[in-house]
PDB file of N, CA and C in Angstrom:
ATOM      1  N   MET A   1      23.034   2.047 -33.296  1.00  0.00           N
ATOM      2  CA  MET A   1      22.782   1.271 -32.180  1.00  0.00           C
ATOM      3  C   MET A   1      22.683   2.490 -30.876  1.00  0.00           C
ATOM      4  N   ASN A   2      23.388   3.415 -31.085  1.00  0.00           N
ATOM      5  CA  ASN A   2      23.370   4.708 -29.968  1.00  0.00           C
ATOM      6  C   ASN A   2      21.967   5.307 -29.901  1.00  0.00           C
ATOM      7  N   ASN A   3      21.693   5.408 -31.172  1.00  0.00           N
ATOM      8  CA  ASN A   3      20.147   6.222 -31.374  1.00  0.00           C
ATOM      9  C   ASN A   3      19.126   5.369 -30.723  1.00  0.00           C
ATOM     10  N   LYS A   4      19.033   4.112 -30.712  1.00  0.00           N
ATOM     11  CA  LYS A   4      18.251   3.168 -30.248  1.00  0.00           C
ATOM     12  C   LYS A   4      18.170   3.236 -28.571  1.00  0.00           C
ATOM     13  N   ALA A   5      19.514   3.303 -28.171  1.00  0.00           N
ATOM     14  CA  ALA A   5      19.550   3.575 -26.731  1.00  0.00           C
ATOM     15  C   ALA A   5      19.171   4.625 -26.211  1.00  0.00           C
ATOM     16  N   SER A   6      19.321   5.869 -26.894  1.00  0.00           N
ATOM     17  CA  SER A   6      18.847   7.143 -26.762  1.00  0.00           C
ATOM     18  C   SER A   6      17.279   7.302 -26.517  1.00  0.00           C
ATOM     19  N   LEU A   7      16.652   6.769 -27.581  1.00  0.00           N
ATOM     20  CA  LEU A   7      15.204   6.408 -27.760  1.00  0.00           C
ATOM     21  C   LEU A   7      14.641   5.919 -26.463  1.00  0.00           C
ATOM     22  N   TYR A   8      15.129   4.705 -26.474  1.00  0.00           N
ATOM     23  CA  TYR A   8      14.833   3.747 -25.169  1.00  0.00           C
ATOM     24  C   TYR A   8      14.845   4.640 -23.921  1.00  0.00           C
ATOM     25  N   SER A   9      15.957   5.390 -23.568  1.00  0.00           N
ATOM     26  CA  SER A   9      16.032   6.320 -22.395  1.00  0.00           C
ATOM     27  C   SER A   9      15.024   7.140 -22.231  1.00  0.00           C
ATOM     28  N   LYS A  10      14.825   7.741 -23.603  1.00  0.00           N
ATOM     29  CA  LYS A  10      13.580   9.096 -23.648  1.00  0.00           C
ATOM     30  C   LYS A  10      12.548   8.574 -23.140  1.00  0.00           C
ATOM     31  N   GLY A  11      12.107   7.185 -23.857  1.00  0.00           N
ATOM     32  CA  GLY A  11      10.963   6.635 -23.521  1.00  0.00           C
ATOM     33  C   GLY A  11      11.039   6.266 -22.106  1.00  0.00           C
ATOM     34  N   CYS A  12      11.880   5.673 -21.529  1.00  0.00           N
ATOM     35  CA  CYS A  12      11.561   5.497 -19.972  1.00  0.00           C
ATOM     36  C   CYS A  12      11.398   6.425 -19.120  1.00  0.00           C
ATOM     37  N   VAL A  13      12.126   8.037 -19.555  1.00  0.00           N
ATOM     38  CA  VAL A  13      11.886   8.997 -18.959  1.00  0.00           C
ATOM     39  C   VAL A  13      10.308   9.327 -18.760  1.00  0.00           C
ATOM     40  N   GLN A  14       9.862   9.213 -19.962  1.00  0.00           N
ATOM     41  CA  GLN A  14       8.527   9.481 -20.357  1.00  0.00           C
ATOM     42  C   GLN A  14       7.535   8.943 -19.595  1.00  0.00           C
ATOM     43  N   GLU A  15       7.749   7.373 -19.275  1.00  0.00           N
ATOM     44  CA  GLU A  15       7.080   6.300 -18.737  1.00  0.00           C
ATOM     45  C   GLU A  15       6.810   6.810 -17.221  1.00  0.00           C
ATOM     46  N   THR A  16       8.023   7.124 -16.812  1.00  0.00           N
ATOM     47  CA  THR A  16       8.316   7.556 -15.316  1.00  0.00           C
ATOM     48  C   THR A  16       7.503   8.707 -14.896  1.00  0.00           C
ATOM     49  N   HIS A  17       7.881   9.492 -15.692  1.00  0.00           N
ATOM     50  CA  HIS A  17       6.896  11.030 -15.243  1.00  0.00           C
ATOM     51  C   HIS A  17       5.343  10.601 -15.562  1.00  0.00           C
ATOM     52  N   GLU A  18       4.751  10.024 -16.359  1.00  0.00           N
ATOM     53  CA  GLU A  18       3.549   9.655 -16.459  1.00  0.00           C
ATOM     54  C   GLU A  18       3.385   9.017 -15.223  1.00  0.00           C
ATOM     55  N   MET A  19       3.903   7.749 -14.886  1.00  0.00           N
ATOM     56  CA  MET A  19       3.620   7.276 -13.613  1.00  0.00           C
ATOM     57  C   MET A  19       3.572   8.072 -12.413  1.00  0.00           C
ATOM     58  N   TRP A  20       4.429   8.898 -12.330  1.00  0.00           N
ATOM     59  CA  TRP A  20       4.438   9.784 -11.085  1.00  0.00           C
ATOM     60  C   TRP A  20       3.025  11.003 -11.153  1.00  0.00           C
ATOM     61  N   ALA A  21       2.902  11.290 -12.456  1.00  0.00           N
ATOM     62  CA  ALA A  21       1.642  11.967 -12.561  1.00  0.00           C
ATOM     63  C   ALA A  21       0.377  11.445 -12.422  1.00  0.00           C
ATOM     64  N   CYS A  22       0.126  10.037 -12.703  1.00  0.00           N
ATOM     65  CA  CYS A  22      -0.825   9.134 -12.447  1.00  0.00           C
ATOM     66  C   CYS A  22      -1.141   9.267 -10.923  1.00  0.00           C
ATOM     67  N   ARG A  23      -0.165   8.726 -10.243  1.00  0.00           N
ATOM     68  CA  ARG A  23       0.141   8.668  -8.649  1.00  0.00           C
ATOM     69  C   ARG A  23      -0.416   9.832  -8.204  1.00  0.00           C
ATOM     70  N   ALA A  24       0.115  10.923  -8.488  1.00  0.00           N
ATOM     71  CA  ALA A  24      -0.002  12.400  -8.117  1.00  0.00           C
ATOM     72  C   ALA A  24      -1.742  12.724  -8.043  1.00  0.00           C
ATOM     73  N   LEU A  25      -2.148  12.413  -9.210  1.00  0.00           N
ATOM     74  CA  LEU A  25      -3.616  12.820  -9.328  1.00  0.00           C
ATOM     75  C   LEU A  25      -4.414  11.908  -8.440  1.00  0.00           C
ATOM     76  N   ALA A  26      -4.098  10.572  -8.466  1.00  0.00           N
ATOM     77  CA  ALA A  26      -4.962   9.710  -7.619  1.00  0.00           C
ATOM     78  C   ALA A  26      -4.734   9.766  -6.260  1.00  0.00           C
ATOM     79  N   LEU A  27      -4.004  10.343  -5.864  1.00  0.00           N
ATOM     80  CA  LEU A  27      -3.492  10.594  -4.370  1.00  0.00           C
ATOM     81  C   LEU A  27      -3.790  11.982  -3.940  1.00  0.00           C
ATOM     82  N   GLY A  28      -4.419  12.652  -4.704  1.00  0.00           N
ATOM     83  CA  GLY A  28      -5.018  14.067  -4.176  1.00  0.00           C
ATOM     84  C   GLY A  28      -3.636  15.301  -4.076  1.00  0.00           C
ATOM     85  N   CYS A  29      -2.292  14.932  -5.047  1.00  0.00           N
ATOM     86  CA  CYS A  29      -1.552  15.806  -5.193  1.00  0.00           C
ATOM     87  C   CYS A  29      -1.312  16.443  -6.597  1.00  0.00           C
ATOM     88  N   GLY A  30      -2.413  16.497  -7.295  1.00  0.00           N
ATOM     89  CA  GLY A  30      -2.627  17.154  -8.753  1.00  0.00           C
ATOM     90  C   GLY A  30      -2.130  18.570  -8.565  1.00  0.00           C
ATOM     91  N   ASN A  31      -2.210  19.086  -7.423  1.00  0.00           N
ATOM     92  CA  ASN A  31      -1.619  20.721  -7.479  1.00  0.00           C
ATOM     93  C   ASN A  31      -0.558  20.725  -8.125  1.00  0.00           C
ATOM     94  N   HIS A  32       0.728  19.840  -7.469  1.00  0.00           N
ATOM     95  CA  HIS A  32       1.982  20.017  -7.944  1.00  0.00           C
ATOM     96  C   HIS A  32       2.107  19.600  -9.403  1.00  0.00           C
ATOM     97  N   LEU A  33       1.381  19.174 -10.248  1.00  0.00           N
ATOM     98  CA  LEU A  33       1.410  18.807 -11.318  1.00  0.00           C
ATOM     99  C   LEU A  33       1.150  19.900 -12.108  1.00  0.00           C
ATOM    100  N   SER A  34       0.082  20.906 -11.921  1.00  0.00           N
ATOM    101  CA  SER A  34      -0.093  22.156 -12.410  1.00  0.00           C
ATOM    102  C   SER A  34       1.134  22.971 -12.285  1.00  0.00           C
ATOM    103  N   ASP A  35       1.515  23.089 -10.973  1.00  0.00           N
ATOM    104  CA  ASP A  35       2.854  24.071 -10.745  1.00  0.00           C
ATOM    105  C   ASP A  35       4.035  23.477 -11.719  1.00  0.00           C
ATOM    106  N   LEU A  36       4.201  22.283 -11.801  1.00  0.00           N
ATOM    107  CA  LEU A  36       5.359  21.913 -12.537  1.00  0.00           C
ATOM    108  C   LEU A  36       5.008  22.114 -13.981  1.00  0.00           C
ATOM    109  N   ARG A  37       4.131  21.912 -14.441  1.00  0.00           N
ATOM    110  CA  ARG A  37       3.809  22.352 -16.013  1.00  0.00           C
ATOM    111  C   ARG A  37       3.922  23.856 -16.015  1.00  0.00           C
ATOM    112  N   ARG A  38       3.571  24.731 -15.271  1.00  0.00           N
ATOM    113  CA  ARG A  38       3.852  25.840 -15.238  1.00  0.00           C
ATOM    114  C   ARG A  38       5.481  26.552 -15.201  1.00  0.00           C
ATOM    115  N   CYS A  39       5.931  25.675 -14.349  1.00  0.00           N
ATOM    116  CA  CYS A  39       7.267  25.983 -14.107  1.00  0.00           C
ATOM    117  C   CYS A  39       8.298  25.700 -15.092  1.00  0.00           C
ATOM    118  N   TRP A  40       7.931  24.429 -15.683  1.00  0.00           N
ATOM    119  CA  TRP A  40       8.866  24.029 -16.974  1.00  0.00           C
ATOM    120  C   TRP A  40       8.337  24.951 -18.194  1.00  0.00           C
ATOM    121  N   SER A  41       7.421  25.540 -18.340  1.00  0.00           N
ATOM    122  CA  SER A  41       6.805  26.376 -19.344  1.00  0.00           C
ATOM    123  C   SER A  41       7.498  27.722 -19.263  1.00  0.00           C
ATOM    124  N   ASP A  42       7.745  28.209 -18.010  1.00  0.00           N
ATOM    125  CA  ASP A  42       8.151  29.424 -17.533  1.00  0.00           C
ATOM    126  C   ASP A  42       9.781  29.210 -17.904  1.00  0.00           C
ATOM    127  N   ALA A  43      10.204  28.067 -17.367  1.00  0.00           N
ATOM    128  CA  ALA A  43      11.807  27.822 -17.478  1.00  0.00           C
ATOM    129  C   ALA A  43      12.148  28.011 -18.965  1.00  0.00           C
ATOM    130  N   SER A  44      11.248  27.238 -19.737  1.00  0.00           N
ATOM    131  CA  SER A  44      11.526  26.832 -21.288  1.00  0.00           C
ATOM    132  C   SER A  44      11.731  28.358 -21.872  1.00  0.00           C
ATOM    133  N   SER A  45      10.677  29.164 -21.550  1.00  0.00           N
ATOM    134  CA  SER A  45      10.536  30.339 -22.096  1.00  0.00           C
ATOM    135  C   SER A  45      11.813  31.348 -21.772  1.00  0.00           C
ATOM    136  N   VAL A  46      11.833  31.529 -20.732  1.00  0.00           N
ATOM    137  CA  VAL A  46      13.457  32.071 -20.122  1.00  0.00           C
ATOM    138  C   VAL A  46      14.787  31.575 -20.866  1.00  0.00           C
ATOM    139  N   GLN A  47      14.907  30.189 -20.697  1.00  0.00           N
ATOM    140  CA  GLN A  47      15.781  29.876 -21.345  1.00  0.00           C
ATOM    141  C   GLN A  47      16.062  30.086 -22.836  1.00  0.00           C
ATOM    142  N   ASN A  48      15.011  30.098 -23.572  1.00  0.00           N
ATOM    143  CA  ASN A  48      14.787  30.290 -25.002  1.00  0.00           C
ATOM    144  C   ASN A  48      15.229  31.785 -25.130  1.00  0.00           C
ATOM    145  N   ARG A  49      15.255  32.505 -24.231  1.00  0.00           N
ATOM    146  CA  ARG A  49      15.692  34.034 -24.626  1.00  0.00           C
ATOM    147  C   ARG A  49      17.052  34.200 -23.768  1.00  0.00           C
ATOM    148  N   GLY A  50      17.558  33.043 -23.326  1.00  0.00           N
ATOM    149  CA  GLY A  50      19.027  32.980 -22.954  1.00  0.00           C
ATOM    150  C   GLY A  50      19.144  34.007 -21.370  1.00  0.00           C
ATOM    151  N   GLU A  51      18.420  34.252 -20.739  1.00  0.00           N
ATOM    152  CA  GLU A  51      18.365  34.789 -19.661  1.00  0.00           C
ATOM    153  C   GLU A  51      18.628  34.000 -18.297  1.00  0.00           C
ATOM    154  N   LEU A  52      18.787  32.737 -18.659  1.00  0.00           N
ATOM    155  CA  LEU A  52      18.748  31.835 -17.258  1.00  0.00           C
ATOM    156  C   LEU A  52      20.143  31.126 -17.313  1.00  0.00           C
ATOM    157  N   THR A  53      20.927  31.099 -16.327  1.00  0.00           N
ATOM    158  CA  THR A  53      22.078  30.697 -16.167  1.00  0.00           C
ATOM    159  C   THR A  53      22.510  30.091 -14.583  1.00  0.00           C
ATOM    160  N   PHE A  54      23.029  28.869 -14.727  1.00  0.00           N
ATOM    161  CA  PHE A  54      23.094  28.133 -13.367  1.00  0.00           C
ATOM    162  C   PHE A  54      24.584  27.930 -13.199  1.00  0.00           C
ATOM    163  N   LYS A  55      25.064  28.041 -12.081  1.00  0.00           N
ATOM    164  CA  LYS A  55      26.548  27.853 -11.959  1.00  0.00           C
ATOM    165  C   LYS A  55      26.999  25.942 -11.868  1.00  0.00           C
ATOM    166  N   ASP A  56      25.966  25.425 -11.470  1.00  0.00           N
ATOM    167  CA  ASP A  56      26.097  23.944 -11.445  1.00  0.00           C
ATOM    168  C   ASP A  56      25.867  23.386 -12.925  1.00  0.00           C
ATOM    169  N   GLY A  57      25.578  24.257 -13.764  1.00  0.00           N
ATOM    170  CA  GLY A  57      25.391  23.516 -15.428  1.00  0.00           C
ATOM    171  C   GLY A  57      23.928  22.907 -15.627  1.00  0.00           C
ATOM    172  N   ASP A  58      23.041  22.754 -14.545  1.00  0.00           N
ATOM    173  CA  ASP A  58      21.915  22.140 -14.914  1.00  0.00           C
ATOM    174  C   ASP A  58      21.043  23.347 -15.615  1.00  0.00           C
ATOM    175  N   SER A  59      19.869  22.841 -16.499  1.00  0.00           N
ATOM    176  CA  SER A  59      19.416  23.213 -17.360  1.00  0.00           C
ATOM    177  C   SER A  59      18.081  24.219 -16.551  1.00  0.00           C
ATOM    178  N   GLY A  60      17.537  25.141 -17.184  1.00  0.00           N
ATOM    179  CA  GLY A  60      16.741  25.857 -16.277  1.00  0.00           C
ATOM    180  C   GLY A  60      15.611  25.060 -15.806  1.00  0.00           C
ATOM    181  N   SER A  61      14.806  24.227 -16.500  1.00  0.00           N
ATOM    182  CA  SER A  61      13.879  23.674 -16.022  1.00  0.00           C
ATOM    183  C   SER A  61      14.183  22.379 -15.060  1.00  0.00           C
ATOM    184  N   ASP A  62      15.480  22.213 -15.104  1.00  0.00           N
ATOM    185  CA  ASP A  62      15.919  21.002 -14.062  1.00  0.00           C
ATOM    186  C   ASP A  62      16.218  21.849 -12.764  1.00  0.00           C
ATOM    187  N   ALA A  63      16.852  22.819 -12.881  1.00  0.00           N
ATOM    188  CA  ALA A  63      17.232  23.194 -11.537  1.00  0.00           C
ATOM    189  C   ALA A  63      16.099  24.267 -11.038  1.00  0.00           C
ATOM    190  N   SER A  64      15.358  24.803 -11.856  1.00  0.00           N
ATOM    191  CA  SER A  64      14.380  25.992 -11.266  1.00  0.00           C
ATOM    192  C   SER A  64      12.951  24.726 -10.678  1.00  0.00           C
ATOM    193  N   CYS A  65      12.746  23.745 -11.217  1.00  0.00           N
ATOM    194  CA  CYS A  65      11.789  22.933 -11.060  1.00  0.00           C
ATOM    195  C   CYS A  65      11.854  21.813 -10.184  1.00  0.00           C
ATOM    196  N   ARG A  66      13.156  21.487  -9.800  1.00  0.00           N
ATOM    197  CA  ARG A  66      13.363  20.217  -8.759  1.00  0.00           C
ATOM    198  C   ARG A  66      12.695  20.406  -7.468  1.00  0.00           C
ATOM    199  N   GLY A  67      12.503  21.363  -6.966  1.00  0.00           N
ATOM    200  CA  GLY A  67      11.895  21.570  -5.619  1.00  0.00           C
ATOM    201  C   GLY A  67      10.443  21.211  -5.693  1.00  0.00           C
ATOM    202  N   ILE A  68       9.943  21.702  -6.979  1.00  0.00           N
ATOM    203  CA  ILE A  68       8.400  21.285  -7.286  1.00  0.00           C
ATOM    204  C   ILE A  68       8.316  19.776  -7.131  1.00  0.00           C
ATOM    205  N   GLN A  69       9.075  19.258  -8.033  1.00  0.00           N
ATOM    206  CA  GLN A  69       9.183  17.921  -8.403  1.00  0.00           C
ATOM    207  C   GLN A  69       9.267  16.998  -6.968  1.00  0.00           C
ATOM    208  N   GLN A  70      10.192  17.483  -5.765  1.00  0.00           N
ATOM    209  CA  GLN A  70      10.653  16.854  -4.579  1.00  0.00           C
ATOM    210  C   GLN A  70       9.132  17.015  -3.664  1.00  0.00           C
ATOM    211  N   LEU A  71       8.590  18.145  -3.798  1.00  0.00           N
ATOM    212  CA  LEU A  71       7.383  18.508  -3.041  1.00  0.00           C
ATOM    213  C   LEU A  71       6.125  17.302  -3.505  1.00  0.00           C
ATOM    214  N   MET A  72       6.091  17.159  -4.714  1.00  0.00           N
ATOM    215  CA  MET A  72       5.068  16.256  -5.083  1.00  0.00           C
ATOM    216  C   MET A  72       5.361  14.914  -4.925  1.00  0.00           C
ATOM    217  N   ALA A  73       6.552  14.551  -4.906  1.00  0.00           N
ATOM    218  CA  ALA A  73       7.346  13.088  -4.341  1.00  0.00           C
ATOM    219  C   ALA A  73       6.786  13.028  -2.753  1.00  0.00           C
ATOM    220  N   ARG A  74       7.109  13.970  -2.087  1.00  0.00           N
ATOM    221  CA  ARG A  74       6.739  13.914  -0.732  1.00  0.00           C
ATOM    222  C   ARG A  74       5.449  13.469  -0.443  1.00  0.00           C
ATOM    223  N   CYS A  75       4.626  14.341  -1.159  1.00  0.00           N
ATOM    224  CA  CYS A  75       3.058  14.356  -1.202  1.00  0.00           C
ATOM    225  C   CYS A  75       2.426  12.981  -1.502  1.00  0.00           C
ATOM    226  N   VAL A  76       2.683  12.465  -2.528  1.00  0.00           N
ATOM    227  CA  VAL A  76       2.637  11.188  -3.066  1.00  0.00           C
ATOM    228  C   VAL A  76       3.016   9.889  -2.099  1.00  0.00           C
ATOM    229  N   LEU A  77       4.150  10.187  -1.557  1.00  0.00           N
ATOM    230  CA  LEU A  77       4.608   9.272  -0.509  1.00  0.00           C
ATOM    231  C   LEU A  77       3.920   9.251   0.830  1.00  0.00           C
ATOM    232  N   LYS A  78       3.578  10.169   1.107  1.00  0.00           N
ATOM    233  CA  LYS A  78       2.870  10.786   2.294  1.00  0.00           C
ATOM    234  C   LYS A  78       1.465  10.068   2.223  1.00  0.00           C
ATOM    235  N   ASN A  79       0.934  10.397   1.220  1.00  0.00           N
ATOM    236  CA  ASN A  79      -0.711  10.090   0.961  1.00  0.00           C
ATOM    237  C   ASN A  79      -0.849   8.371   0.542  1.00  0.00           C
ATOM    238  N   THR A  80       0.404   8.263  -0.019  1.00  0.00           N
ATOM    239  CA  THR A  80       0.540   6.485  -0.228  1.00  0.00           C
ATOM    240  C   THR A  80       0.283   5.828   1.234  1.00  0.00           C
ATOM    241  N   ALA A  81       1.447   6.088   1.986  1.00  0.00           N
ATOM    242  CA  ALA A  81       1.639   5.688   3.420  1.00  0.00           C
ATOM    243  C   ALA A  81       0.137   5.785   4.117  1.00  0.00           C
ATOM    244  N   GLU A  82      -0.582   7.044   4.127  1.00  0.00           N
ATOM    245  CA  GLU A  82      -1.683   7.165   4.812  1.00  0.00           C
ATOM    246  C   GLU A  82      -2.855   6.193   4.369  1.00  0.00           C
ATOM    247  N   LEU A  83      -2.956   6.098   2.967  1.00  0.00           N
ATOM    248  CA  LEU A  83      -3.688   5.065   2.164  1.00  0.00           C
ATOM    249  C   LEU A  83      -3.726   3.694   2.755  1.00  0.00           C
ATOM    250  N   LYS A  84      -2.524   3.268   2.828  1.00  0.00           N
ATOM    251  CA  LYS A  84      -2.223   1.845   3.353  1.00  0.00           C
ATOM    252  C   LYS A  84      -2.296   1.670   4.763  1.00  0.00           C
ATOM    253  N   GLU A  85      -2.385   2.620   5.707  1.00  0.00           N
ATOM    254  CA  GLU A  85      -3.004   2.563   6.821  1.00  0.00           C
ATOM    255  C   GLU A  85      -4.135   2.474   6.970  1.00  0.00           C
ATOM    256  N   ARG A  86      -5.029   3.261   6.257  1.00  0.00           N
ATOM    257  CA  ARG A  86      -6.671   3.109   6.083  1.00  0.00           C
ATOM    258  C   ARG A  86      -6.867   1.932   5.690  1.00  0.00           C
ATOM    259  N   MET A  87      -6.317   1.295   4.601  1.00  0.00           N
ATOM    260  CA  MET A  87      -6.528   0.194   4.147  1.00  0.00           C
ATOM    261  C   MET A  87      -6.245  -0.911   5.281  1.00  0.00           C
ATOM    262  N   ALA A  88      -5.231  -1.198   5.672  1.00  0.00           N
ATOM    263  CA  ALA A  88      -4.802  -1.960   6.713  1.00  0.00           C
ATOM    264  C   ALA A  88      -5.856  -2.036   8.131  1.00  0.00           C
ATOM    265  N   ALA A  89      -6.202  -0.716   8.363  1.00  0.00           N
ATOM    266  CA  ALA A  89      -7.563  -0.779   9.456  1.00  0.00           C
ATOM    267  C   ALA A  89      -8.666  -1.192   9.327  1.00  0.00           C
ATOM    268  N   ALA A  90      -9.091  -0.952   7.784  1.00  0.00           N
ATOM    269  CA  ALA A  90     -10.235  -1.506   7.635  1.00  0.00           C
ATOM    270  C   ALA A  90     -10.464  -2.984   7.268  1.00  0.00           C
ATOM    271  N   LYS A  91      -9.218  -3.599   7.328  1.00  0.00           N
ATOM    272  CA  LYS A  91      -9.437  -4.970   7.154  1.00  0.00           C
ATOM    273  C   LYS A  91      -9.432  -5.740   8.306  1.00  0.00           C
ATOM    274  N   LYS A  92      -9.199  -4.919   9.517  1.00  0.00           N
ATOM    275  CA  LYS A  92      -9.365  -5.453  11.018  1.00  0.00           C
ATOM    276  C   LYS A  92     -10.632  -5.524  11.170  1.00  0.00           C
TER     277      LYS A  92
END
């Protein structure tokens, strides 16, 4: 039963990432996706060589790429708000 829960959780995480990726592309924030892909790839390579350590226990990709994720989220939220404003103005 525990395996089913972990598979479900992994699937949910994947779906959430895909949702944010789609939003980012649709709203003009796709450059952050390229940055994230590169960051995760770089962090994974360094981590596999055993060169990356963090005091707080975060994995390399989580700790080093979190800032890019936050920038992407801000871009998506900002551009969503601007789009809603334009749509509301067009309805008037």
